[in-house]
PDB file of all heavy atoms in Angstrom:
ATOM      1  N   GLY A   1     -23.648  61.416 -63.222  1.00  0.00           N
ATOM      2  CA  GLY A   1     -23.144  62.767 -63.061  1.00  0.00           C
ATOM      3  C   GLY A   1     -22.483  63.005 -61.721  1.00  0.00           C
ATOM      4  O   GLY A   1     -22.070  64.140 -61.427  1.00  0.00           O
ATOM      5  N   SER A   2     -22.328  61.959 -60.906  1.00  0.00           N
ATOM      6  CA  SER A   2     -21.751  62.158 -59.588  1.00  0.00           C
ATOM      7  C   SER A   2     -20.214  62.174 -59.622  1.00  0.00           C
ATOM      8  O   SER A   2     -19.581  62.547 -58.635  1.00  0.00           O
ATOM      9  CB  SER A   2     -22.190  61.067 -58.627  1.00  0.00           C
ATOM     10  OG  SER A   2     -21.796  59.776 -59.099  1.00  0.00           O
ATOM     11  N   GLY A   3     -19.593  61.820 -60.771  1.00  0.00           N
ATOM     12  CA  GLY A   3     -18.167  61.891 -60.902  1.00  0.00           C
ATOM     13  C   GLY A   3     -17.426  60.603 -60.888  1.00  0.00           C
ATOM     14  O   GLY A   3     -16.181  60.513 -60.902  1.00  0.00           O
ATOM     15  N   LYS A   4     -18.179  59.457 -60.938  1.00  0.00           N
ATOM     16  CA  LYS A   4     -17.561  58.135 -60.864  1.00  0.00           C
ATOM     17  C   LYS A   4     -16.657  57.860 -62.079  1.00  0.00           C
ATOM     18  O   LYS A   4     -15.492  57.444 -61.934  1.00  0.00           O
ATOM     19  CB  LYS A   4     -18.632  57.051 -60.818  1.00  0.00           C
ATOM     20  CG  LYS A   4     -19.673  57.229 -59.733  1.00  0.00           C
ATOM     21  CD  LYS A   4     -20.680  56.096 -59.719  1.00  0.00           C
ATOM     22  CE  LYS A   4     -21.420  55.955 -61.000  1.00  0.00           C
ATOM     23  NZ  LYS A   4     -22.277  57.091 -61.347  1.00  0.00           N
ATOM     24  N   SER A   5     -17.179  58.049 -63.274  1.00  0.00           N
ATOM     25  CA  SER A   5     -16.446  57.746 -64.490  1.00  0.00           C
ATOM     26  C   SER A   5     -15.222  58.665 -64.631  1.00  0.00           C
ATOM     27  O   SER A   5     -14.136  58.211 -64.993  1.00  0.00           O
ATOM     28  CB  SER A   5     -17.317  57.863 -65.718  1.00  0.00           C
ATOM     29  OG  SER A   5     -18.317  56.849 -65.721  1.00  0.00           O
ATOM     30  N   THR A   6     -15.374  59.949 -64.290  1.00  0.00           N
ATOM     31  CA  THR A   6     -14.220  60.843 -64.320  1.00  0.00           C
ATOM     32  C   THR A   6     -13.108  60.371 -63.385  1.00  0.00           C
ATOM     33  O   THR A   6     -11.928  60.357 -63.754  1.00  0.00           O
ATOM     34  CB  THR A   6     -14.648  62.266 -63.953  1.00  0.00           C
ATOM     35  OG1 THR A   6     -15.648  62.729 -64.901  1.00  0.00           O
ATOM     36  CG2 THR A   6     -13.470  63.209 -63.957  1.00  0.00           C
ATOM     37  N   LEU A   7     -13.485  59.977 -62.190  1.00  0.00           N
ATOM     38  CA  LEU A   7     -12.495  59.498 -61.210  1.00  0.00           C
ATOM     39  C   LEU A   7     -11.731  58.287 -61.754  1.00  0.00           C
ATOM     40  O   LEU A   7     -10.500  58.179 -61.638  1.00  0.00           O
ATOM     41  CB  LEU A   7     -13.149  59.160 -59.899  1.00  0.00           C
ATOM     42  CG  LEU A   7     -12.218  58.762 -58.761  1.00  0.00           C
ATOM     43  CD1 LEU A   7     -11.329  59.924 -58.339  1.00  0.00           C
ATOM     44  CD2 LEU A   7     -13.020  58.240 -57.557  1.00  0.00           C
ATOM     45  N   MET A   8     -12.461  57.347 -62.364  1.00  0.00           N
ATOM     46  CA  MET A   8     -11.820  56.138 -62.885  1.00  0.00           C
ATOM     47  C   MET A   8     -10.956  56.459 -64.116  1.00  0.00           C
ATOM     48  O   MET A   8      -9.961  55.821 -64.352  1.00  0.00           O
ATOM     49  CB  MET A   8     -12.866  55.105 -63.193  1.00  0.00           C
ATOM     50  CG  MET A   8     -13.540  54.493 -61.939  1.00  0.00           C
ATOM     51  SD  MET A   8     -12.368  53.646 -60.870  1.00  0.00           S
ATOM     52  CE  MET A   8     -12.023  54.927 -59.603  1.00  0.00           C
ATOM     53  N   LYS A   9     -11.383  57.427 -64.874  1.00  0.00           N
ATOM     54  CA  LYS A   9     -10.552  57.857 -66.043  1.00  0.00           C
ATOM     55  C   LYS A   9      -9.272  58.530 -65.559  1.00  0.00           C
ATOM     56  O   LYS A   9      -8.228  58.418 -66.231  1.00  0.00           O
ATOM     57  CB  LYS A   9     -11.334  58.756 -66.967  1.00  0.00           C
ATOM     58  CG  LYS A   9     -12.423  58.025 -67.748  1.00  0.00           C
ATOM     59  CD  LYS A   9     -13.300  58.983 -68.574  1.00  0.00           C
ATOM     60  CE  LYS A   9     -14.378  58.235 -69.340  1.00  0.00           C
ATOM     61  NZ  LYS A   9     -15.272  59.157 -70.105  1.00  0.00           N
ATOM     62  N   VAL A  10      -9.334  59.213 -64.440  1.00  0.00           N
ATOM     63  CA  VAL A  10      -8.109  59.770 -63.851  1.00  0.00           C
ATOM     64  C   VAL A  10      -7.176  58.600 -63.445  1.00  0.00           C
ATOM     65  O   VAL A  10      -5.960  58.616 -63.720  1.00  0.00           O
ATOM     66  CB  VAL A  10      -8.421  60.650 -62.656  1.00  0.00           C
ATOM     67  CG1 VAL A  10      -7.152  60.975 -61.865  1.00  0.00           C
ATOM     68  CG2 VAL A  10      -9.119  61.916 -63.099  1.00  0.00           C
ATOM     69  N   LEU A  11      -7.750  57.612 -62.800  1.00  0.00           N
ATOM     70  CA  LEU A  11      -6.944  56.464 -62.343  1.00  0.00           C
ATOM     71  C   LEU A  11      -6.306  55.774 -63.530  1.00  0.00           C
ATOM     72  O   LEU A  11      -5.128  55.357 -63.437  1.00  0.00           O
ATOM     73  CB  LEU A  11      -7.856  55.496 -61.580  1.00  0.00           C
ATOM     74  CG  LEU A  11      -7.258  54.114 -61.247  1.00  0.00           C
ATOM     75  CD1 LEU A  11      -5.966  54.245 -60.449  1.00  0.00           C
ATOM     76  CD2 LEU A  11      -8.251  53.276 -60.446  1.00  0.00           C
ATOM     77  N   PHE A  12      -7.031  55.603 -64.655  1.00  0.00           N
ATOM     78  CA  PHE A  12      -6.513  54.884 -65.794  1.00  0.00           C
ATOM     79  C   PHE A  12      -5.645  55.734 -66.718  1.00  0.00           C
ATOM     80  O   PHE A  12      -5.139  55.290 -67.699  1.00  0.00           O
ATOM     81  CB  PHE A  12      -7.679  54.266 -66.571  1.00  0.00           C
ATOM     82  CG  PHE A  12      -7.264  53.322 -67.665  1.00  0.00           C
ATOM     83  CD1 PHE A  12      -6.410  52.243 -67.391  1.00  0.00           C
ATOM     84  CD2 PHE A  12      -7.664  53.511 -68.975  1.00  0.00           C
ATOM     85  CE1 PHE A  12      -6.019  51.378 -68.370  1.00  0.00           C
ATOM     86  CE2 PHE A  12      -7.256  52.622 -69.993  1.00  0.00           C
ATOM     87  CZ  PHE A  12      -6.419  51.568 -69.698  1.00  0.00           C
ATOM     88  N   GLY A  13      -5.551  57.041 -66.382  1.00  0.00           N
ATOM     89  CA  GLY A  13      -4.693  57.926 -67.160  1.00  0.00           C
ATOM     90  C   GLY A  13      -5.338  58.537 -68.354  1.00  0.00           C
ATOM     91  O   GLY A  13      -4.693  59.222 -69.128  1.00  0.00           O
ATOM     92  N   MET A  14      -6.645  58.344 -68.518  1.00  0.00           N
ATOM     93  CA  MET A  14      -7.325  58.956 -69.632  1.00  0.00           C
ATOM     94  C   MET A  14      -7.629  60.419 -69.427  1.00  0.00           C
ATOM     95  O   MET A  14      -7.810  61.188 -70.351  1.00  0.00           O
ATOM     96  CB  MET A  14      -8.686  58.222 -69.891  1.00  0.00           C
ATOM     97  CG  MET A  14      -8.509  56.777 -70.302  1.00  0.00           C
ATOM     98  SD  MET A  14     -10.114  55.950 -70.461  1.00  0.00           S
ATOM     99  CE  MET A  14     -10.830  56.870 -71.870  1.00  0.00           C
ATOM    100  N   VAL A  15      -7.681  60.847 -68.169  1.00  0.00           N
ATOM    101  CA  VAL A  15      -7.948  62.205 -67.793  1.00  0.00           C
ATOM    102  C   VAL A  15      -6.858  62.689 -66.812  1.00  0.00           C
ATOM    103  O   VAL A  15      -6.510  61.967 -65.861  1.00  0.00           O
ATOM    104  CB  VAL A  15      -9.335  62.353 -67.121  1.00  0.00           C
ATOM    105  CG1 VAL A  15      -9.515  63.726 -66.500  1.00  0.00           C
ATOM    106  CG2 VAL A  15     -10.437  62.097 -68.144  1.00  0.00           C
ATOM    107  N   ARG A  16      -6.303  63.836 -67.076  1.00  0.00           N
ATOM    108  CA  ARG A  16      -5.309  64.443 -66.178  1.00  0.00           C
ATOM    109  C   ARG A  16      -6.002  65.286 -65.112  1.00  0.00           C
ATOM    110  O   ARG A  16      -6.730  66.238 -65.474  1.00  0.00           O
ATOM    111  CB  ARG A  16      -4.333  65.280 -66.988  1.00  0.00           C
ATOM    112  CG  ARG A  16      -3.170  65.823 -66.158  1.00  0.00           C
ATOM    113  CD  ARG A  16      -2.240  66.678 -67.031  1.00  0.00           C
ATOM    114  NE  ARG A  16      -1.588  65.890 -68.035  1.00  0.00           N
ATOM    115  CZ  ARG A  16      -0.405  65.246 -67.819  1.00  0.00           C
ATOM    116  NH1 ARG A  16       0.185  65.350 -66.637  1.00  0.00           N
ATOM    117  NH2 ARG A  16       0.147  64.550 -68.815  1.00  0.00           N
ATOM    118  N   PRO A  17      -5.832  64.995 -63.836  1.00  0.00           N
ATOM    119  CA  PRO A  17      -6.512  65.757 -62.805  1.00  0.00           C
ATOM    120  C   PRO A  17      -5.967  67.173 -62.672  1.00  0.00           C
ATOM    121  O   PRO A  17      -4.793  67.433 -63.014  1.00  0.00           O
ATOM    122  CB  PRO A  17      -6.256  64.957 -61.547  1.00  0.00           C
ATOM    123  CG  PRO A  17      -4.951  64.286 -61.783  1.00  0.00           C
ATOM    124  CD  PRO A  17      -4.967  63.989 -63.283  1.00  0.00           C
ATOM    125  N   ASP A  18      -6.823  68.092 -62.194  1.00  0.00           N
ATOM    126  CA  ASP A  18      -6.339  69.446 -61.897  1.00  0.00           C
ATOM    127  C   ASP A  18      -5.510  69.469 -60.644  1.00  0.00           C
ATOM    128  O   ASP A  18      -4.565  70.240 -60.508  1.00  0.00           O
ATOM    129  CB  ASP A  18      -7.556  70.393 -61.729  1.00  0.00           C
ATOM    130  CG  ASP A  18      -8.414  70.448 -62.960  1.00  0.00           C
ATOM    131  OD1 ASP A  18      -7.850  70.318 -64.084  1.00  0.00           O
ATOM    132  OD2 ASP A  18      -9.634  70.624 -62.813  1.00  0.00           O
ATOM    133  N   GLU A  19      -5.862  68.599 -59.708  1.00  0.00           N
ATOM    134  CA  GLU A  19      -5.149  68.477 -58.466  1.00  0.00           C
ATOM    135  C   GLU A  19      -5.132  66.987 -58.022  1.00  0.00           C
ATOM    136  O   GLU A  19      -6.009  66.214 -58.418  1.00  0.00           O
ATOM    137  CB  GLU A  19      -5.809  69.260 -57.318  1.00  0.00           C
ATOM    138  CG  GLU A  19      -5.854  70.749 -57.470  1.00  0.00           C
ATOM    139  CD  GLU A  19      -6.540  71.381 -56.270  1.00  0.00           C
ATOM    140  OE1 GLU A  19      -5.926  71.445 -55.183  1.00  0.00           O
ATOM    141  OE2 GLU A  19      -7.709  71.772 -56.424  1.00  0.00           O
ATOM    142  N   GLY A  20      -4.145  66.664 -57.196  1.00  0.00           N
ATOM    143  CA  GLY A  20      -4.163  65.311 -56.592  1.00  0.00           C
ATOM    144  C   GLY A  20      -3.146  64.392 -57.225  1.00  0.00           C
ATOM    145  O   GLY A  20      -2.562  64.639 -58.289  1.00  0.00           O
ATOM    146  N   ASP A  21      -2.928  63.239 -56.523  1.00  0.00           N
ATOM    147  CA  ASP A  21      -1.953  62.261 -56.936  1.00  0.00           C
ATOM    148  C   ASP A  21      -2.606  60.855 -56.913  1.00  0.00           C
ATOM    149  O   ASP A  21      -3.518  60.573 -56.158  1.00  0.00           O
ATOM    150  CB  ASP A  21      -0.752  62.230 -55.978  1.00  0.00           C
ATOM    151  CG  ASP A  21      -0.071  63.553 -55.918  1.00  0.00           C
ATOM    152  OD1 ASP A  21       0.354  64.049 -57.003  1.00  0.00           O
ATOM    153  OD2 ASP A  21       0.045  64.151 -54.832  1.00  0.00           O
ATOM    154  N   VAL A  22      -2.030  59.985 -57.772  1.00  0.00           N
ATOM    155  CA  VAL A  22      -2.421  58.572 -57.780  1.00  0.00           C
ATOM    156  C   VAL A  22      -1.173  57.770 -57.423  1.00  0.00           C
ATOM    157  O   VAL A  22      -0.158  57.850 -58.125  1.00  0.00           O
ATOM    158  CB  VAL A  22      -2.964  58.120 -59.151  1.00  0.00           C
ATOM    159  CG1 VAL A  22      -3.287  56.633 -59.140  1.00  0.00           C
ATOM    160  CG2 VAL A  22      -4.185  58.951 -59.535  1.00  0.00           C
ATOM    161  N   VAL A  23      -1.236  57.033 -56.300  1.00  0.00           N
ATOM    162  CA  VAL A  23      -0.137  56.239 -55.852  1.00  0.00           C
ATOM    163  C   VAL A  23      -0.494  54.769 -55.957  1.00  0.00           C
ATOM    164  O   VAL A  23      -1.512  54.320 -55.394  1.00  0.00           O
ATOM    165  CB  VAL A  23       0.271  56.579 -54.405  1.00  0.00           C
ATOM    166  CG1 VAL A  23       1.373  55.645 -53.910  1.00  0.00           C
ATOM    167  CG2 VAL A  23       0.686  58.014 -54.300  1.00  0.00           C
ATOM    168  N   TYR A  24       0.260  54.005 -56.744  1.00  0.00           N
ATOM    169  CA  TYR A  24      -0.068  52.597 -57.000  1.00  0.00           C
ATOM    170  C   TYR A  24       1.144  51.752 -56.586  1.00  0.00           C
ATOM    171  O   TYR A  24       2.262  52.007 -57.035  1.00  0.00           O
ATOM    172  CB  TYR A  24      -0.384  52.377 -58.480  1.00  0.00           C
ATOM    173  CG  TYR A  24      -0.835  50.986 -58.841  1.00  0.00           C
ATOM    174  CD1 TYR A  24      -2.112  50.557 -58.480  1.00  0.00           C
ATOM    175  CD2 TYR A  24       0.005  50.114 -59.514  1.00  0.00           C
ATOM    176  CE1 TYR A  24      -2.521  49.256 -58.773  1.00  0.00           C
ATOM    177  CE2 TYR A  24      -0.412  48.807 -59.797  1.00  0.00           C
ATOM    178  CZ  TYR A  24      -1.685  48.401 -59.452  1.00  0.00           C
ATOM    179  OH  TYR A  24      -2.107  47.124 -59.730  1.00  0.00           O
TER     180      TYR A  24
END
């Protein structure tokens, strides 16, 4: 529940963040 999986799903494109950017 600390947010690890959500963060990785944002990175992989499974979840769209409310704020922020991913630069690869």
